Amino acid sequence: MTQPSPTLEGFKVMCRRPSLAFAEIAWRWSFGAAAVAVLAFSVLEFFDTLAVSGRDLFLLRTRHPLLVLKAVLHILKGSAFRAKWVAMLVLIVLSLAWVIVASIGGRATVKRLRSYLRDRGNGMPPSAEGHGAPQQFPLGLNFLRVLLTAATGSAIFGAFILSAAASSAADPSPGGAMLIFTAVALGLGMVWCVLNWLLSISALLAVAERKRTFAAIRSAVDLCCNHTGPVLAAGTWFGLAHLVLFFLVTSVLMFPLAFAGVLPPGIVLGGVILISLLYFAAADFLYVGRMAAYMVIIQCPAEAQGEVPQGSSSFGTALRRLQTDVDPGELILCDT
């Protein structure tokens, strides 16, 4: 009997259990709101440390672009050191907070998703769930994701500096520098996407199978190697759905921006924010569906490959029963 595909099961979970996606939205958006508040407070506090003279105010009130730029540069002069340390401190605090919040929220979502799939008959038997192992929080894996993102950002910044060196004042070549930077940035972005995707699957395995950090990474690599087809199919279909959603939202965003010169700025900004929030909510729904598809592959690898478990057919069951019912020591007609 052929089982439904993991990708189809993921889309079914999106439609039948929207509470899982709403739970994911709750912790993600709560952290996002807190992060925005911390960033806004830090920026305002930094602005309070800047000294503004009467000359700067006069240049700002002229509203002439060159004069305003000159005033802003004069105000920010000598504050780069403070801005750098404030930015580093805020990023470190937000990164550590994200590691903790993502570990707690992601673990809760995975546990509920796993219970739902098991209740529907798509999960592993209770005896195979590893009750002896302690519950795991994917703190180490989320910390690795933060380090990976920081390393990628630093590498892109270094690529920008190196590409700028390719265009000197004696031999200017802005096109070549831009080409070098774009190629390196795209390559680094692709590497980041692959590694971040692998670490996200590892975090799923860390909670589902109660594995530690490096054991979960090793299991994720084994899963991708042993079940390449289902894993790629689920990632491809949900990736295409996300891409279609992105282009659709981008097209819809053109409507409020087209009326920017007619409608008040507050209405235009509100429309852009509303459409963006709807996009983020739909993206979270797709993320939960993709997690459900991977969970089906993890807990039901035979069904994910389209295999029929031994003994699932009536003929196999009857043959196994016949083998167990016959006594090998009993005489039959030919022995007599």
C-alpha atoms as a PDB file:
ATOM      1  CA  MET A   1       0.000   0.000   0.000  1.00  0.00           C
ATOM      2  CA  THR A   2       1.582   3.307  -1.087  1.00  0.00           C
ATOM      3  CA  GLN A   3       1.693   5.995   1.610  1.00  0.00           C
ATOM      4  CA  PRO A   4       1.073   9.710   0.906  1.00  0.00           C
ATOM      5  CA  SER A   5       4.145  11.744   0.054  1.00  0.00           C
ATOM      6  CA  PRO A   6       5.845  13.769   2.825  1.00  0.00           C
ATOM      7  CA  THR A   7       5.317  16.968   0.825  1.00  0.00           C
ATOM      8  CA  LEU A   8       1.565  16.345   0.647  1.00  0.00           C
ATOM      9  CA  GLU A   9       1.499  15.602   4.361  1.00  0.00           C
ATOM     10  CA  GLY A  10       3.244  18.915   5.018  1.00  0.00           C
ATOM     11  CA  PHE A  11       0.629  20.867   3.074  1.00  0.00           C
ATOM     12  CA  LYS A  12      -2.126  18.943   4.890  1.00  0.00           C
ATOM     13  CA  VAL A  13      -0.684  19.945   8.257  1.00  0.00           C
ATOM     14  CA  MET A  14      -0.714  23.611   7.157  1.00  0.00           C
ATOM     15  CA  CYS A  15      -4.455  23.391   6.399  1.00  0.00           C
ATOM     16  CA  ARG A  16      -5.639  21.038   9.162  1.00  0.00           C
ATOM     17  CA  ARG A  17      -3.591  22.326  12.103  1.00  0.00           C
ATOM     18  CA  PRO A  18      -3.128  26.089  11.665  1.00  0.00           C
ATOM     19  CA  SER A  19      -2.596  26.348  15.429  1.00  0.00           C
ATOM     20  CA  LEU A  20       0.944  25.026  14.933  1.00  0.00           C
ATOM     21  CA  ALA A  21       1.729  27.867  12.535  1.00  0.00           C
ATOM     22  CA  PHE A  22       0.088  30.399  14.864  1.00  0.00           C
ATOM     23  CA  ALA A  23       2.268  29.127  17.720  1.00  0.00           C
ATOM     24  CA  GLU A  24       5.340  29.576  15.534  1.00  0.00           C
ATOM     25  CA  ILE A  25       4.153  33.065  14.597  1.00  0.00           C
ATOM     26  CA  ALA A  26       3.607  33.925  18.277  1.00  0.00           C
ATOM     27  CA  TRP A  27       7.174  33.343  19.436  1.00  0.00           C
ATOM     28  CA  ARG A  28       8.794  34.644  16.238  1.00  0.00           C
ATOM     29  CA  TRP A  29       6.815  37.877  16.149  1.00  0.00           C
ATOM     30  CA  SER A  30       7.195  38.413  19.888  1.00  0.00           C
ATOM     31  CA  PHE A  31      10.953  38.262  19.519  1.00  0.00           C
ATOM     32  CA  GLY A  32      10.792  40.481  16.424  1.00  0.00           C
ATOM     33  CA  ALA A  33       8.778  43.134  18.259  1.00  0.00           C
ATOM     34  CA  ALA A  34      11.191  43.054  21.195  1.00  0.00           C
ATOM     35  CA  ALA A  35      14.178  43.305  18.836  1.00  0.00           C
ATOM     36  CA  VAL A  36      12.670  46.308  17.043  1.00  0.00           C
ATOM     37  CA  ALA A  37      12.011  47.983  20.401  1.00  0.00           C
ATOM     38  CA  VAL A  38      15.596  47.381  21.555  1.00  0.00           C
ATOM     39  CA  LEU A  39      17.002  48.727  18.279  1.00  0.00           C
ATOM     40  CA  ALA A  40      14.798  51.834  18.406  1.00  0.00           C
ATOM     41  CA  PHE A  41      15.751  52.504  22.034  1.00  0.00           C
ATOM     42  CA  SER A  42      19.456  52.075  21.222  1.00  0.00           C
ATOM     43  CA  VAL A  43      19.254  54.461  18.270  1.00  0.00           C
ATOM     44  CA  LEU A  44      17.441  57.095  20.325  1.00  0.00           C
ATOM     45  CA  GLU A  45      19.965  56.786  23.133  1.00  0.00           C
ATOM     46  CA  PHE A  46      22.792  57.135  20.639  1.00  0.00           C
ATOM     47  CA  PHE A  47      21.216  60.252  19.167  1.00  0.00           C
ATOM     48  CA  ASP A  48      20.998  61.765  22.654  1.00  0.00           C
ATOM     49  CA  THR A  49      24.785  61.572  22.923  1.00  0.00           C
ATOM     50  CA  LEU A  50      25.310  63.685  19.783  1.00  0.00           C
ATOM     51  CA  ALA A  51      26.027  67.376  20.113  1.00  0.00           C
ATOM     52  CA  VAL A  52      24.089  69.677  17.750  1.00  0.00           C
ATOM     53  CA  SER A  53      25.285  73.263  17.426  1.00  0.00           C
ATOM     54  CA  GLY A  54      23.311  76.318  16.285  1.00  0.00           C
ATOM     55  CA  ARG A  55      25.121  76.239  12.963  1.00  0.00           C
ATOM     56  CA  ASP A  56      24.013  72.626  12.412  1.00  0.00           C
ATOM     57  CA  LEU A  57      20.410  73.524  13.185  1.00  0.00           C
ATOM     58  CA  PHE A  58      20.552  76.404  10.722  1.00  0.00           C
ATOM     59  CA  LEU A  59      21.886  74.113   7.967  1.00  0.00           C
ATOM     60  CA  LEU A  60      19.244  71.470   8.716  1.00  0.00           C
ATOM     61  CA  ARG A  61      16.427  74.026   8.510  1.00  0.00           C
ATOM     62  CA  THR A  62      17.491  75.092   5.033  1.00  0.00           C
ATOM     63  CA  ARG A  63      16.406  71.638   3.747  1.00  0.00           C
ATOM     64  CA  HIS A  64      18.975  71.907   0.996  1.00  0.00           C
ATOM     65  CA  PRO A  65      20.393  68.396   0.332  1.00  0.00           C
ATOM     66  CA  LEU A  66      24.058  69.461   0.324  1.00  0.00           C
ATOM     67  CA  LEU A  67      23.725  71.673   3.374  1.00  0.00           C
ATOM     68  CA  VAL A  68      21.750  69.025   5.280  1.00  0.00           C
ATOM     69  CA  LEU A  69      24.378  66.407   4.407  1.00  0.00           C
ATOM     70  CA  LYS A  70      27.135  68.710   5.611  1.00  0.00           C
ATOM     71  CA  ALA A  71      25.307  69.259   8.905  1.00  0.00           C
ATOM     72  CA  VAL A  72      24.714  65.526   9.428  1.00  0.00           C
ATOM     73  CA  LEU A  73      28.375  64.719   8.772  1.00  0.00           C
ATOM     74  CA  HIS A  74      29.428  67.382  11.245  1.00  0.00           C
ATOM     75  CA  ILE A  75      27.015  66.028  13.873  1.00  0.00           C
ATOM     76  CA  LEU A  76      28.234  62.444  13.417  1.00  0.00           C
ATOM     77  CA  LYS A  77      31.898  63.443  13.413  1.00  0.00           C
ATOM     78  CA  GLY A  78      33.798  61.592  16.123  1.00  0.00           C
ATOM     79  CA  SER A  79      30.878  59.274  17.014  1.00  0.00           C
ATOM     80  CA  ALA A  80      31.890  56.298  14.884  1.00  0.00           C
ATOM     81  CA  PHE A  81      33.619  54.610  17.832  1.00  0.00           C
ATOM     82  CA  ARG A  82      30.507  54.833  20.038  1.00  0.00           C
ATOM     83  CA  ALA A  83      28.243  53.732  17.203  1.00  0.00           C
ATOM     84  CA  LYS A  84      30.425  50.698  16.541  1.00  0.00           C
ATOM     85  CA  TRP A  85      30.411  49.514  20.137  1.00  0.00           C
ATOM     86  CA  VAL A  86      26.688  50.152  20.570  1.00  0.00           C
ATOM     87  CA  ALA A  87      25.938  48.172  17.410  1.00  0.00           C
ATOM     88  CA  MET A  88      28.169  45.285  18.509  1.00  0.00           C
ATOM     89  CA  LEU A  89      26.597  45.183  21.979  1.00  0.00           C
ATOM     90  CA  VAL A  90      23.045  45.242  20.629  1.00  0.00           C
ATOM     91  CA  LEU A  91      23.791  42.518  18.050  1.00  0.00           C
ATOM     92  CA  ILE A  92      25.397  40.263  20.659  1.00  0.00           C
ATOM     93  CA  VAL A  93      22.492  40.660  23.080  1.00  0.00           C
ATOM     94  CA  LEU A  94      19.873  40.060  20.364  1.00  0.00           C
ATOM     95  CA  SER A  95      21.764  37.040  19.039  1.00  0.00           C
ATOM     96  CA  LEU A  96      21.944  35.391  22.464  1.00  0.00           C
ATOM     97  CA  ALA A  97      18.285  36.175  23.063  1.00  0.00           C
ATOM     98  CA  TRP A  98      17.360  34.645  19.702  1.00  0.00           C
ATOM     99  CA  VAL A  99      19.298  31.458  20.518  1.00  0.00           C
ATOM    100  CA  ILE A 100      17.323  31.010  23.748  1.00  0.00           C
ATOM    101  CA  VAL A 101      13.903  31.988  22.378  1.00  0.00           C
ATOM    102  CA  ALA A 102      14.308  29.949  19.175  1.00  0.00           C
ATOM    103  CA  SER A 103      15.395  26.884  21.135  1.00  0.00           C
ATOM    104  CA  ILE A 104      12.396  27.051  23.480  1.00  0.00           C
ATOM    105  CA  GLY A 105       9.820  28.008  20.841  1.00  0.00           C
ATOM    106  CA  GLY A 106      11.142  25.637  18.178  1.00  0.00           C
ATOM    107  CA  ARG A 107      11.208  22.725  20.627  1.00  0.00           C
ATOM    108  CA  ALA A 108       7.602  23.346  21.645  1.00  0.00           C
ATOM    109  CA  THR A 109       6.459  23.492  18.003  1.00  0.00           C
ATOM    110  CA  VAL A 110       8.323  20.307  17.055  1.00  0.00           C
ATOM    111  CA  LYS A 111       6.905  18.412  20.033  1.00  0.00           C
ATOM    112  CA  ARG A 112       3.337  19.398  19.150  1.00  0.00           C
ATOM    113  CA  LEU A 113       3.926  18.575  15.498  1.00  0.00           C
ATOM    114  CA  ARG A 114       5.359  15.202  16.394  1.00  0.00           C
ATOM    115  CA  SER A 115       2.423  14.366  18.641  1.00  0.00           C
ATOM    116  CA  TYR A 116      -0.047  15.355  15.937  1.00  0.00           C
ATOM    117  CA  LEU A 117       1.633  13.157  13.321  1.00  0.00           C
ATOM    118  CA  ARG A 118       1.821  10.230  15.737  1.00  0.00           C
ATOM    119  CA  ASP A 119      -1.864  10.553  16.612  1.00  0.00           C
ATOM    120  CA  ARG A 120      -2.713  10.489  12.904  1.00  0.00           C
ATOM    121  CA  GLY A 121      -0.704   7.311  12.424  1.00  0.00           C
ATOM    122  CA  ASN A 122       2.262   8.956  10.645  1.00  0.00           C
ATOM    123  CA  GLY A 123       4.754   8.748  13.513  1.00  0.00           C
ATOM    124  CA  MET A 124       7.043   6.084  14.908  1.00  0.00           C
ATOM    125  CA  PRO A 125       5.773   3.688  17.557  1.00  0.00           C
ATOM    126  CA  PRO A 126       6.139   4.902  21.133  1.00  0.00           C
ATOM    127  CA  SER A 127       8.781   2.258  21.874  1.00  0.00           C
ATOM    128  CA  ALA A 128      11.116   3.787  19.299  1.00  0.00           C
ATOM    129  CA  GLU A 129      10.989   7.321  20.634  1.00  0.00           C
ATOM    130  CA  GLY A 130      13.962   7.048  22.950  1.00  0.00           C
ATOM    131  CA  HIS A 131      12.256   7.580  26.324  1.00  0.00           C
ATOM    132  CA  GLY A 132      15.526   7.026  28.167  1.00  0.00           C
ATOM    133  CA  ALA A 133      17.212  10.064  26.603  1.00  0.00           C
ATOM    134  CA  PRO A 134      16.705  13.487  28.218  1.00  0.00           C
ATOM    135  CA  GLN A 135      14.770  16.187  26.435  1.00  0.00           C
ATOM    136  CA  GLN A 136      17.068  18.275  24.254  1.00  0.00           C
ATOM    137  CA  PHE A 137      16.999  21.988  23.505  1.00  0.00           C
ATOM    138  CA  PRO A 138      18.777  22.852  20.218  1.00  0.00           C
ATOM    139  CA  LEU A 139      20.807  25.614  21.880  1.00  0.00           C
ATOM    140  CA  GLY A 140      24.091  24.510  20.330  1.00  0.00           C
ATOM    141  CA  LEU A 141      22.628  24.271  16.833  1.00  0.00           C
ATOM    142  CA  ASN A 142      21.010  27.704  17.034  1.00  0.00           C
ATOM    143  CA  PHE A 143      24.280  29.123  18.339  1.00  0.00           C
ATOM    144  CA  LEU A 144      26.050  27.598  15.330  1.00  0.00           C
ATOM    145  CA  ARG A 145      23.486  29.257  13.061  1.00  0.00           C
ATOM    146  CA  VAL A 146      24.277  32.624  14.664  1.00  0.00           C
ATOM    147  CA  LEU A 147      28.017  32.051  14.201  1.00  0.00           C
ATOM    148  CA  LEU A 148      27.433  31.014  10.597  1.00  0.00           C
ATOM    149  CA  THR A 149      25.438  34.177   9.902  1.00  0.00           C
ATOM    150  CA  ALA A 150      28.081  36.370  11.558  1.00  0.00           C
ATOM    151  CA  ALA A 151      30.876  34.673   9.598  1.00  0.00           C
ATOM    152  CA  THR A 152      28.965  35.097   6.329  1.00  0.00           C
ATOM    153  CA  GLY A 153      28.325  38.777   7.012  1.00  0.00           C
ATOM    154  CA  SER A 154      32.000  39.337   7.831  1.00  0.00           C
ATOM    155  CA  ALA A 155      33.042  37.516   4.661  1.00  0.00           C
ATOM    156  CA  ILE A 156      30.704  39.637   2.532  1.00  0.00           C
ATOM    157  CA  PHE A 157      32.106  42.798   4.121  1.00  0.00           C
ATOM    158  CA  GLY A 158      35.640  41.565   3.388  1.00  0.00           C
ATOM    159  CA  ALA A 159      34.622  40.814  -0.197  1.00  0.00           C
ATOM    160  CA  PHE A 160      33.348  44.390  -0.513  1.00  0.00           C
ATOM    161  CA  ILE A 161      36.700  45.776   0.646  1.00  0.00           C
ATOM    162  CA  LEU A 162      38.678  43.486  -1.672  1.00  0.00           C
ATOM    163  CA  SER A 163      36.469  44.263  -4.662  1.00  0.00           C
ATOM    164  CA  ALA A 164      36.850  48.000  -3.995  1.00  0.00           C
ATOM    165  CA  ALA A 165      40.626  47.538  -4.116  1.00  0.00           C
ATOM    166  CA  ALA A 166      40.259  46.206  -7.671  1.00  0.00           C
ATOM    167  CA  SER A 167      39.188  49.685  -8.798  1.00  0.00           C
ATOM    168  CA  SER A 168      41.964  52.177  -7.998  1.00  0.00           C
ATOM    169  CA  ALA A 169      42.147  55.908  -8.686  1.00  0.00           C
ATOM    170  CA  ALA A 170      44.818  55.361 -11.333  1.00  0.00           C
ATOM    171  CA  ASP A 171      42.862  52.591 -13.089  1.00  0.00           C
ATOM    172  CA  PRO A 172      39.170  52.945 -12.204  1.00  0.00           C
ATOM    173  CA  SER A 173      37.028  49.919 -12.960  1.00  0.00           C
ATOM    174  CA  PRO A 174      33.738  50.159 -11.035  1.00  0.00           C
ATOM    175  CA  GLY A 175      32.052  47.582 -13.270  1.00  0.00           C
ATOM    176  CA  GLY A 176      34.713  44.959 -12.611  1.00  0.00           C
ATOM    177  CA  ALA A 177      34.663  45.645  -8.872  1.00  0.00           C
ATOM    178  CA  MET A 178      30.873  45.325  -8.807  1.00  0.00           C
ATOM    179  CA  LEU A 179      31.044  42.065 -10.770  1.00  0.00           C
ATOM    180  CA  ILE A 180      33.607  40.593  -8.373  1.00  0.00           C
ATOM    181  CA  PHE A 181      31.613  41.599  -5.313  1.00  0.00           C
ATOM    182  CA  THR A 182      28.334  40.271  -6.749  1.00  0.00           C
ATOM    183  CA  ALA A 183      29.863  36.897  -7.666  1.00  0.00           C
ATOM    184  CA  VAL A 184      31.515  36.442  -4.261  1.00  0.00           C
ATOM    185  CA  ALA A 185      28.424  37.615  -2.370  1.00  0.00           C
ATOM    186  CA  LEU A 186      26.161  35.235  -4.294  1.00  0.00           C
ATOM    187  CA  GLY A 187      28.532  32.335  -3.645  1.00  0.00           C
ATOM    188  CA  LEU A 188      28.690  33.103   0.058  1.00  0.00           C
ATOM    189  CA  GLY A 189      24.915  33.473   0.171  1.00  0.00           C
ATOM    190  CA  MET A 190      24.404  30.066  -1.416  1.00  0.00           C
ATOM    191  CA  VAL A 191      26.821  28.438   1.032  1.00  0.00           C
ATOM    192  CA  TRP A 192      24.991  30.112   3.910  1.00  0.00           C
ATOM    193  CA  CYS A 193      21.608  28.901   2.637  1.00  0.00           C
ATOM    194  CA  VAL A 194      22.787  25.275   2.383  1.00  0.00           C
ATOM    195  CA  LEU A 195      24.491  25.199   5.788  1.00  0.00           C
ATOM    196  CA  ASN A 196      21.633  27.031   7.511  1.00  0.00           C
ATOM    197  CA  TRP A 197      19.156  24.580   5.966  1.00  0.00           C
ATOM    198  CA  LEU A 198      21.238  21.651   7.223  1.00  0.00           C
ATOM    199  CA  LEU A 199      21.407  23.118  10.724  1.00  0.00           C
ATOM    200  CA  SER A 200      17.631  23.678  10.717  1.00  0.00           C
ATOM    201  CA  ILE A 201      17.085  19.977   9.939  1.00  0.00           C
ATOM    202  CA  SER A 202      19.617  19.134  12.647  1.00  0.00           C
ATOM    203  CA  ALA A 203      17.607  21.190  15.149  1.00  0.00           C
ATOM    204  CA  LEU A 204      14.508  19.241  14.129  1.00  0.00           C
ATOM    205  CA  LEU A 205      16.341  15.962  14.719  1.00  0.00           C
ATOM    206  CA  ALA A 206      17.747  17.177  18.029  1.00  0.00           C
ATOM    207  CA  VAL A 207      14.200  17.543  19.376  1.00  0.00           C
ATOM    208  CA  ALA A 208      12.497  14.666  17.529  1.00  0.00           C
ATOM    209  CA  GLU A 209      15.152  12.036  18.307  1.00  0.00           C
ATOM    210  CA  ARG A 210      16.632  13.650  21.437  1.00  0.00           C
ATOM    211  CA  LYS A 211      20.130  13.975  20.024  1.00  0.00           C
ATOM    212  CA  ARG A 212      22.914  16.319  21.003  1.00  0.00           C
ATOM    213  CA  THR A 213      24.416  18.943  18.721  1.00  0.00           C
ATOM    214  CA  PHE A 214      26.980  17.029  16.676  1.00  0.00           C
ATOM    215  CA  ALA A 215      24.982  13.798  16.760  1.00  0.00           C
ATOM    216  CA  ALA A 216      22.027  15.699  15.305  1.00  0.00           C
ATOM    217  CA  ILE A 217      24.226  17.142  12.536  1.00  0.00           C
ATOM    218  CA  ARG A 218      25.522  13.661  11.709  1.00  0.00           C
ATOM    219  CA  SER A 219      21.955  12.320  11.625  1.00  0.00           C
ATOM    220  CA  ALA A 220      20.896  15.180   9.335  1.00  0.00           C
ATOM    221  CA  VAL A 221      23.709  14.350   6.908  1.00  0.00           C
ATOM    222  CA  ASP A 222      22.721  10.660   6.995  1.00  0.00           C
ATOM    223  CA  LEU A 223      19.090  11.602   6.381  1.00  0.00           C
ATOM    224  CA  CYS A 224      20.008  13.679   3.335  1.00  0.00           C
ATOM    225  CA  CYS A 225      22.242  10.893   1.976  1.00  0.00           C
ATOM    226  CA  ASN A 226      19.853   7.991   2.605  1.00  0.00           C
ATOM    227  CA  HIS A 227      16.620   9.760   1.635  1.00  0.00           C
ATOM    228  CA  THR A 228      17.830  12.305  -0.885  1.00  0.00           C
ATOM    229  CA  GLY A 229      14.742  12.124  -3.095  1.00  0.00           C
ATOM    230  CA  PRO A 230      12.059  12.870  -0.467  1.00  0.00           C
ATOM    231  CA  VAL A 231      14.190  15.531   1.247  1.00  0.00           C
ATOM    232  CA  LEU A 232      14.900  17.340  -2.023  1.00  0.00           C
ATOM    233  CA  ALA A 233      11.281  17.017  -3.136  1.00  0.00           C
ATOM    234  CA  ALA A 234       9.950  18.557   0.082  1.00  0.00           C
ATOM    235  CA  GLY A 235      12.520  21.353   0.053  1.00  0.00           C
ATOM    236  CA  THR A 236      11.941  22.082  -3.637  1.00  0.00           C
ATOM    237  CA  TRP A 237       8.158  22.246  -3.494  1.00  0.00           C
ATOM    238  CA  PHE A 238       8.039  24.387  -0.381  1.00  0.00           C
ATOM    239  CA  GLY A 239      10.839  26.552  -1.762  1.00  0.00           C
ATOM    240  CA  LEU A 240       8.879  27.098  -4.977  1.00  0.00           C
ATOM    241  CA  ALA A 241       5.768  27.951  -2.968  1.00  0.00           C
ATOM    242  CA  HIS A 242       7.785  30.496  -0.984  1.00  0.00           C
ATOM    243  CA  LEU A 243       9.229  31.953  -4.186  1.00  0.00           C
ATOM    244  CA  VAL A 244       5.767  32.330  -5.731  1.00  0.00           C
ATOM    245  CA  LEU A 245       4.560  33.964  -2.528  1.00  0.00           C
ATOM    246  CA  PHE A 246       7.488  36.402  -2.608  1.00  0.00           C
ATOM    247  CA  PHE A 247       6.824  37.481  -6.195  1.00  0.00           C
ATOM    248  CA  LEU A 248       3.094  37.798  -5.476  1.00  0.00           C
ATOM    249  CA  VAL A 249       3.693  40.002  -2.446  1.00  0.00           C
ATOM    250  CA  THR A 250       6.232  42.088  -4.375  1.00  0.00           C
ATOM    251  CA  SER A 251       3.631  42.709  -7.057  1.00  0.00           C
ATOM    252  CA  VAL A 252       0.948  43.619  -4.506  1.00  0.00           C
ATOM    253  CA  LEU A 253       3.313  46.058  -2.793  1.00  0.00           C
ATOM    254  CA  MET A 254       3.385  48.130  -5.978  1.00  0.00           C
ATOM    255  CA  PHE A 255      -0.249  49.196  -5.446  1.00  0.00           C
ATOM    256  CA  PRO A 256       0.210  51.265  -2.248  1.00  0.00           C
ATOM    257  CA  LEU A 257       3.541  52.592  -3.520  1.00  0.00           C
ATOM    258  CA  ALA A 258       1.895  53.716  -6.758  1.00  0.00           C
ATOM    259  CA  PHE A 259      -0.410  56.003  -4.743  1.00  0.00           C
ATOM    260  CA  ALA A 260       2.425  57.463  -2.682  1.00  0.00           C
ATOM    261  CA  GLY A 261       1.970  60.875  -4.305  1.00  0.00           C
ATOM    262  CA  VAL A 262      -1.812  60.877  -3.876  1.00  0.00           C
ATOM    263  CA  LEU A 263      -2.544  59.294  -0.492  1.00  0.00           C
ATOM    264  CA  PRO A 264      -1.141  60.490   2.840  1.00  0.00           C
ATOM    265  CA  PRO A 265       2.225  58.918   3.781  1.00  0.00           C
ATOM    266  CA  GLY A 266       0.695  57.243   6.850  1.00  0.00           C
ATOM    267  CA  ILE A 267      -1.813  55.293   4.769  1.00  0.00           C
ATOM    268  CA  VAL A 268       0.840  54.191   2.287  1.00  0.00           C
ATOM    269  CA  LEU A 269       3.183  53.112   5.071  1.00  0.00           C
ATOM    270  CA  GLY A 270       0.361  51.275   6.828  1.00  0.00           C
ATOM    271  CA  GLY A 271      -0.503  49.382   3.636  1.00  0.00           C
ATOM    272  CA  VAL A 272       3.131  48.374   3.119  1.00  0.00           C
ATOM    273  CA  ILE A 273       3.420  47.177   6.734  1.00  0.00           C
ATOM    274  CA  LEU A 274       0.144  45.209   6.533  1.00  0.00           C
ATOM    275  CA  ILE A 275       1.169  43.433   3.312  1.00  0.00           C
ATOM    276  CA  SER A 276       4.597  42.677   4.763  1.00  0.00           C
ATOM    277  CA  LEU A 277       3.055  41.167   7.913  1.00  0.00           C
ATOM    278  CA  LEU A 278       0.767  38.974   5.800  1.00  0.00           C
ATOM    279  CA  TYR A 279       3.810  37.795   3.850  1.00  0.00           C
ATOM    280  CA  PHE A 280       5.704  36.905   7.030  1.00  0.00           C
ATOM    281  CA  ALA A 281       2.672  35.012   8.363  1.00  0.00           C
ATOM    282  CA  ALA A 282       2.333  32.998   5.144  1.00  0.00           C
ATOM    283  CA  ALA A 283       6.088  32.280   5.212  1.00  0.00           C
ATOM    284  CA  ASP A 284       5.737  30.904   8.759  1.00  0.00           C
ATOM    285  CA  PHE A 285       2.890  28.659   7.581  1.00  0.00           C
ATOM    286  CA  LEU A 286       5.126  27.290   4.822  1.00  0.00           C
ATOM    287  CA  TYR A 287       7.942  26.781   7.316  1.00  0.00           C
ATOM    288  CA  VAL A 288       5.715  24.658   9.563  1.00  0.00           C
ATOM    289  CA  GLY A 289       4.556  22.639   6.547  1.00  0.00           C
ATOM    290  CA  ARG A 290       8.157  21.999   5.528  1.00  0.00           C
ATOM    291  CA  MET A 291       8.981  20.896   9.078  1.00  0.00           C
ATOM    292  CA  ALA A 292       6.022  18.485   8.961  1.00  0.00           C
ATOM    293  CA  ALA A 293       7.277  17.013   5.679  1.00  0.00           C
ATOM    294  CA  TYR A 294      10.748  16.467   7.138  1.00  0.00           C
ATOM    295  CA  MET A 295       9.219  14.962  10.267  1.00  0.00           C
ATOM    296  CA  VAL A 296       7.352  12.403   8.168  1.00  0.00           C
ATOM    297  CA  ILE A 297      10.618  11.480   6.421  1.00  0.00           C
ATOM    298  CA  ILE A 298      12.445  11.187   9.762  1.00  0.00           C
ATOM    299  CA  GLN A 299       9.842   9.026  11.493  1.00  0.00           C
ATOM    300  CA  CYS A 300       8.572   7.040   8.485  1.00  0.00           C
ATOM    301  CA  PRO A 301      11.580   6.573   6.154  1.00  0.00           C
ATOM    302  CA  ALA A 302      10.119   3.507   4.414  1.00  0.00           C
ATOM    303  CA  GLU A 303       6.846   5.244   3.618  1.00  0.00           C
ATOM    304  CA  ALA A 304       8.724   8.341   2.482  1.00  0.00           C
ATOM    305  CA  GLN A 305      10.606   6.266  -0.076  1.00  0.00           C
ATOM    306  CA  GLY A 306       7.360   4.716  -1.282  1.00  0.00           C
ATOM    307  CA  GLU A 307       8.344   1.251   0.010  1.00  0.00           C
ATOM    308  CA  VAL A 308       5.872  -1.332   1.267  1.00  0.00           C
ATOM    309  CA  PRO A 309       6.772  -2.632   4.724  1.00  0.00           C
ATOM    310  CA  GLN A 310       7.227  -6.372   4.942  1.00  0.00           C
ATOM    311  CA  GLY A 311       4.031  -8.098   5.937  1.00  0.00           C
ATOM    312  CA  SER A 312       1.760  -5.210   4.980  1.00  0.00           C
ATOM    313  CA  SER A 313      -0.019  -7.241   2.273  1.00  0.00           C
ATOM    314  CA  SER A 314      -2.549  -9.938   3.038  1.00  0.00           C
ATOM    315  CA  PHE A 315      -0.473 -12.573   1.200  1.00  0.00           C
ATOM    316  CA  GLY A 316       2.607 -11.822   3.295  1.00  0.00           C
ATOM    317  CA  THR A 317       0.571 -11.964   6.491  1.00  0.00           C
ATOM    318  CA  ALA A 318      -0.986 -15.310   5.554  1.00  0.00           C
ATOM    319  CA  LEU A 319       2.406 -16.757   4.574  1.00  0.00           C
ATOM    320  CA  ARG A 320       4.022 -15.701   7.844  1.00  0.00           C
ATOM    321  CA  ARG A 321       1.074 -17.133   9.824  1.00  0.00           C
ATOM    322  CA  LEU A 322       1.334 -20.428   7.922  1.00  0.00           C
ATOM    323  CA  GLN A 323       5.072 -20.673   8.712  1.00  0.00           C
ATOM    324  CA  THR A 324       4.464 -20.134  12.431  1.00  0.00           C
ATOM    325  CA  ASP A 325       1.474 -22.543  12.651  1.00  0.00           C
ATOM    326  CA  VAL A 326       3.213 -25.540  11.030  1.00  0.00           C
ATOM    327  CA  ASP A 327       5.154 -27.815  13.401  1.00  0.00           C
ATOM    328  CA  PRO A 328       8.422 -28.900  11.722  1.00  0.00           C
ATOM    329  CA  GLY A 329       8.546 -32.144  13.794  1.00  0.00           C
ATOM    330  CA  GLU A 330       5.118 -33.352  12.767  1.00  0.00           C
ATOM    331  CA  LEU A 331       5.022 -36.218  10.222  1.00  0.00           C
ATOM    332  CA  ILE A 332       3.407 -35.562   6.858  1.00  0.00           C
ATOM    333  CA  LEU A 333       2.135 -37.902   4.170  1.00  0.00           C
ATOM    334  CA  CYS A 334       5.398 -38.218   2.279  1.00  0.00           C
ATOM    335  CA  ASP A 335       7.301 -39.088   5.499  1.00  0.00           C
ATOM    336  CA  THR A 336       4.786 -41.840   6.257  1.00  0.00           C
END
